[in-house]
Amino acid sequence: MATTTFERPINRLGFVLLCVSLLACGAAFLVTYRTNHSLSFEWLGHLLLESGYMWQQSLFKIGFFGALLGAALAWNLFHQARKVVTWVTKG
């Protein structure tokens, strides 16, 4: 299995943010294992889309958006998106 090195420190920071955020999402989702809620897409939607009156909802939302930001920072997705935008606008 080949490993890749990150080019800049911001990429390493993004990877760390991604890992921590995924742990937060996993913790928020798995803490609900022994509750009366089912572990399905309905519960996933409840954690992500409804107003946060439970700590699991807040932790899951922070983890989810942190994972998106961490992935974008780790793999230079902002740079790739900028290339696509310039390609589309210039034709």
N, C-alpha and C. Protein backbone atom coordinates (compact mmCIF):
# COMPACT_ATOMS: atom_id res chain seq x y z
N MET A 1 0.85 -1.16 0.00
CA MET A 1 0.00 0.00 0.00
C MET A 1 0.89 1.22 0.00
N ALA A 2 0.76 2.06 -0.98
CA ALA A 2 1.60 3.24 -1.12
C ALA A 2 1.04 4.38 -0.27
N THR A 3 1.93 5.10 0.36
CA THR A 3 1.52 6.27 1.14
C THR A 3 1.92 7.52 0.38
N THR A 4 1.19 8.57 0.60
CA THR A 4 1.51 9.83 -0.05
C THR A 4 1.94 10.82 1.02
N THR A 5 2.85 11.68 0.64
CA THR A 5 3.27 12.73 1.56
C THR A 5 2.52 13.99 1.20
N PHE A 6 2.21 14.76 2.20
CA PHE A 6 1.50 16.00 1.97
C PHE A 6 2.50 17.10 1.65
N GLU A 7 2.17 17.92 0.68
CA GLU A 7 3.10 18.91 0.17
C GLU A 7 3.37 20.04 1.16
N ARG A 8 2.33 20.53 1.79
CA ARG A 8 2.47 21.70 2.67
C ARG A 8 1.92 21.37 4.06
N PRO A 9 2.30 22.19 5.06
CA PRO A 9 1.76 21.96 6.41
C PRO A 9 0.25 22.09 6.50
N ILE A 10 -0.35 22.93 5.66
CA ILE A 10 -1.81 23.07 5.70
C ILE A 10 -2.48 21.77 5.28
N ASN A 11 -1.82 21.00 4.39
CA ASN A 11 -2.36 19.71 4.00
C ASN A 11 -2.32 18.72 5.16
N ARG A 12 -1.24 18.75 5.93
CA ARG A 12 -1.15 17.87 7.12
C ARG A 12 -2.19 18.26 8.16
N LEU A 13 -2.37 19.57 8.34
CA LEU A 13 -3.38 20.04 9.29
C LEU A 13 -4.77 19.61 8.84
N GLY A 14 -5.03 19.68 7.54
CA GLY A 14 -6.32 19.22 7.02
C GLY A 14 -6.55 17.75 7.26
N PHE A 15 -5.49 16.94 7.12
CA PHE A 15 -5.63 15.50 7.38
C PHE A 15 -5.91 15.22 8.84
N VAL A 16 -5.25 15.94 9.73
CA VAL A 16 -5.51 15.78 11.17
C VAL A 16 -6.94 16.20 11.49
N LEU A 17 -7.40 17.31 10.89
CA LEU A 17 -8.77 17.76 11.10
C LEU A 17 -9.76 16.72 10.58
N LEU A 18 -9.46 16.12 9.45
CA LEU A 18 -10.31 15.07 8.90
C LEU A 18 -10.41 13.89 9.86
N CYS A 19 -9.28 13.44 10.39
CA CYS A 19 -9.29 12.28 11.29
C CYS A 19 -10.05 12.57 12.58
N VAL A 20 -9.82 13.73 13.17
CA VAL A 20 -10.51 14.10 14.41
C VAL A 20 -12.01 14.25 14.17
N SER A 21 -12.37 14.84 13.05
CA SER A 21 -13.79 15.03 12.74
C SER A 21 -14.49 13.71 12.48
N LEU A 22 -13.82 12.79 11.82
CA LEU A 22 -14.42 11.47 11.60
C LEU A 22 -14.60 10.72 12.92
N LEU A 23 -13.67 10.89 13.83
CA LEU A 23 -13.84 10.29 15.16
C LEU A 23 -15.03 10.90 15.89
N ALA A 24 -15.20 12.21 15.76
CA ALA A 24 -16.35 12.87 16.40
C ALA A 24 -17.66 12.37 15.81
N CYS A 25 -17.71 12.24 14.49
CA CYS A 25 -18.93 11.72 13.85
C CYS A 25 -19.21 10.29 14.29
N GLY A 26 -18.18 9.49 14.31
CA GLY A 26 -18.36 8.10 14.73
C GLY A 26 -18.80 7.98 16.17
N ALA A 27 -18.23 8.80 17.03
CA ALA A 27 -18.63 8.77 18.44
C ALA A 27 -20.08 9.19 18.61
N ALA A 28 -20.48 10.25 17.93
CA ALA A 28 -21.86 10.72 18.05
C ALA A 28 -22.84 9.70 17.50
N PHE A 29 -22.46 9.00 16.45
CA PHE A 29 -23.36 8.02 15.85
C PHE A 29 -23.42 6.75 16.70
N LEU A 30 -22.27 6.30 17.21
CA LEU A 30 -22.25 5.04 17.95
C LEU A 30 -22.73 5.16 19.39
N VAL A 31 -22.71 6.36 19.96
CA VAL A 31 -23.24 6.54 21.32
C VAL A 31 -24.74 6.25 21.33
N THR A 32 -25.38 6.44 20.21
CA THR A 32 -26.81 6.20 20.13
C THR A 32 -27.15 4.73 19.92
N TYR A 33 -26.16 3.87 19.99
CA TYR A 33 -26.37 2.43 19.71
C TYR A 33 -27.38 1.81 20.67
N ARG A 34 -27.29 2.13 21.94
CA ARG A 34 -28.18 1.49 22.92
C ARG A 34 -29.40 2.34 23.25
N THR A 35 -29.75 3.27 22.40
CA THR A 35 -30.95 4.06 22.61
C THR A 35 -32.11 3.41 21.87
N ASN A 36 -33.25 4.06 21.94
CA ASN A 36 -34.42 3.50 21.28
C ASN A 36 -34.48 3.90 19.80
N HIS A 37 -33.44 4.56 19.29
CA HIS A 37 -33.41 4.96 17.89
C HIS A 37 -32.71 3.88 17.07
N SER A 38 -33.13 3.76 15.84
CA SER A 38 -32.50 2.78 14.96
C SER A 38 -31.26 3.40 14.32
N LEU A 39 -30.31 2.55 13.97
CA LEU A 39 -29.10 3.02 13.29
C LEU A 39 -29.31 2.92 11.79
N SER A 40 -30.03 3.87 11.24
CA SER A 40 -30.35 3.84 9.82
C SER A 40 -30.11 5.22 9.23
N PHE A 41 -30.44 5.36 7.97
CA PHE A 41 -30.31 6.66 7.33
C PHE A 41 -31.26 7.67 7.94
N GLU A 42 -32.38 7.20 8.49
CA GLU A 42 -33.31 8.10 9.17
C GLU A 42 -32.65 8.72 10.39
N TRP A 43 -31.90 7.93 11.15
CA TRP A 43 -31.21 8.46 12.32
C TRP A 43 -30.06 9.36 11.90
N LEU A 44 -29.41 9.03 10.81
CA LEU A 44 -28.35 9.87 10.28
C LEU A 44 -28.91 11.23 9.87
N GLY A 45 -30.07 11.23 9.24
CA GLY A 45 -30.74 12.49 8.91
C GLY A 45 -31.16 13.26 10.14
N HIS A 46 -31.59 12.55 11.17
CA HIS A 46 -31.95 13.20 12.43
C HIS A 46 -30.73 13.87 13.05
N LEU A 47 -29.59 13.21 13.01
CA LEU A 47 -28.38 13.81 13.58
C LEU A 47 -27.91 15.02 12.79
N LEU A 48 -28.11 15.01 11.50
CA LEU A 48 -27.56 16.06 10.65
C LEU A 48 -28.53 17.19 10.37
N LEU A 49 -29.80 16.91 10.18
CA LEU A 49 -30.71 17.91 9.66
C LEU A 49 -31.63 18.56 10.69
N GLU A 50 -31.92 17.91 11.80
CA GLU A 50 -32.86 18.50 12.75
C GLU A 50 -32.14 19.47 13.68
N SER A 51 -32.92 20.27 14.38
CA SER A 51 -32.33 21.23 15.31
C SER A 51 -31.66 20.48 16.46
N GLY A 52 -30.58 21.04 16.96
CA GLY A 52 -29.76 20.32 17.92
C GLY A 52 -30.22 20.45 19.35
N TYR A 53 -31.04 19.55 19.82
CA TYR A 53 -31.41 19.54 21.23
C TYR A 53 -30.70 18.43 21.99
N MET A 54 -29.91 17.63 21.29
CA MET A 54 -29.12 16.58 21.93
C MET A 54 -27.65 16.84 21.60
N TRP A 55 -26.75 16.49 22.50
CA TRP A 55 -25.34 16.76 22.28
C TRP A 55 -24.80 15.95 21.11
N GLN A 56 -25.41 14.81 20.82
CA GLN A 56 -24.95 14.01 19.69
C GLN A 56 -25.16 14.74 18.37
N GLN A 57 -26.25 15.49 18.28
CA GLN A 57 -26.53 16.23 17.05
C GLN A 57 -25.48 17.31 16.81
N SER A 58 -25.16 18.05 17.86
CA SER A 58 -24.16 19.12 17.72
C SER A 58 -22.79 18.54 17.38
N LEU A 59 -22.41 17.47 18.04
CA LEU A 59 -21.11 16.85 17.78
C LEU A 59 -21.05 16.27 16.37
N PHE A 60 -22.14 15.66 15.92
CA PHE A 60 -22.15 15.09 14.59
C PHE A 60 -22.05 16.17 13.52
N LYS A 61 -22.77 17.28 13.70
CA LYS A 61 -22.71 18.37 12.73
C LYS A 61 -21.32 18.99 12.66
N ILE A 62 -20.72 19.23 13.81
CA ILE A 62 -19.36 19.79 13.84
C ILE A 62 -18.39 18.82 13.18
N GLY A 63 -18.53 17.54 13.49
CA GLY A 63 -17.66 16.52 12.90
C GLY A 63 -17.86 16.39 11.40
N PHE A 64 -19.08 16.47 10.94
CA PHE A 64 -19.37 16.32 9.53
C PHE A 64 -18.76 17.46 8.71
N PHE A 65 -19.01 18.69 9.15
CA PHE A 65 -18.48 19.82 8.41
C PHE A 65 -16.97 19.95 8.60
N GLY A 66 -16.45 19.53 9.73
CA GLY A 66 -15.00 19.48 9.91
C GLY A 66 -14.36 18.46 8.99
N ALA A 67 -15.02 17.34 8.77
CA ALA A 67 -14.49 16.33 7.86
C ALA A 67 -14.48 16.84 6.42
N LEU A 68 -15.51 17.57 6.03
CA LEU A 68 -15.53 18.15 4.69
C LEU A 68 -14.39 19.16 4.51
N LEU A 69 -14.22 20.03 5.49
CA LEU A 69 -13.15 21.02 5.42
C LEU A 69 -11.78 20.36 5.48
N GLY A 70 -11.61 19.37 6.33
CA GLY A 70 -10.34 18.67 6.44
C GLY A 70 -9.97 17.94 5.16
N ALA A 71 -10.94 17.33 4.50
CA ALA A 71 -10.67 16.66 3.23
C ALA A 71 -10.29 17.67 2.16
N ALA A 72 -10.97 18.81 2.15
CA ALA A 72 -10.65 19.84 1.15
C ALA A 72 -9.25 20.39 1.38
N LEU A 73 -8.85 20.56 2.62
CA LEU A 73 -7.50 21.06 2.90
C LEU A 73 -6.44 20.00 2.65
N ALA A 74 -6.72 18.77 2.99
CA ALA A 74 -5.71 17.72 2.88
C ALA A 74 -5.36 17.40 1.44
N TRP A 75 -6.34 17.41 0.57
CA TRP A 75 -6.09 16.99 -0.80
C TRP A 75 -6.20 18.12 -1.81
N ASN A 76 -5.97 19.35 -1.39
CA ASN A 76 -5.94 20.52 -2.28
C ASN A 76 -7.20 20.62 -3.15
N LEU A 77 -8.36 20.35 -2.59
CA LEU A 77 -9.58 20.42 -3.38
C LEU A 77 -9.95 21.84 -3.74
N PHE A 78 -9.53 22.83 -2.92
CA PHE A 78 -9.80 24.22 -3.25
C PHE A 78 -9.02 24.62 -4.50
N HIS A 79 -7.79 24.14 -4.61
CA HIS A 79 -6.98 24.43 -5.79
C HIS A 79 -7.58 23.79 -7.03
N GLN A 80 -8.06 22.57 -6.90
CA GLN A 80 -8.68 21.89 -8.03
C GLN A 80 -9.98 22.58 -8.44
N ALA A 81 -10.75 23.04 -7.46
CA ALA A 81 -12.00 23.74 -7.76
C ALA A 81 -11.71 25.06 -8.47
N ARG A 82 -10.65 25.74 -8.07
CA ARG A 82 -10.27 26.98 -8.73
C ARG A 82 -9.90 26.73 -10.19
N LYS A 83 -9.21 25.62 -10.46
CA LYS A 83 -8.87 25.26 -11.84
C LYS A 83 -10.13 25.02 -12.67
N VAL A 84 -11.09 24.34 -12.10
CA VAL A 84 -12.33 24.05 -12.82
C VAL A 84 -13.10 25.34 -13.10
N VAL A 85 -13.15 26.23 -12.12
CA VAL A 85 -13.87 27.49 -12.31
C VAL A 85 -13.22 28.33 -13.40
N THR A 86 -11.90 28.42 -13.41
CA THR A 86 -11.23 29.18 -14.46
C THR A 86 -11.42 28.51 -15.83
N TRP A 87 -11.43 27.20 -15.88
CA TRP A 87 -11.66 26.49 -17.13
C TRP A 87 -13.07 26.76 -17.67
N VAL A 88 -14.05 26.78 -16.76
CA VAL A 88 -15.43 27.01 -17.18
C VAL A 88 -15.63 28.46 -17.62
N THR A 89 -15.06 29.40 -16.89
CA THR A 89 -15.28 30.80 -17.21
C THR A 89 -14.53 31.23 -18.48
N LYS A 90 -13.37 30.67 -18.71
CA LYS A 90 -12.59 31.07 -19.90
C LYS A 90 -12.91 30.22 -21.12
N GLY A 91 -13.61 29.15 -20.92
CA GLY A 91 -14.05 28.34 -22.04
C GLY A 91 -13.11 27.40 -22.60
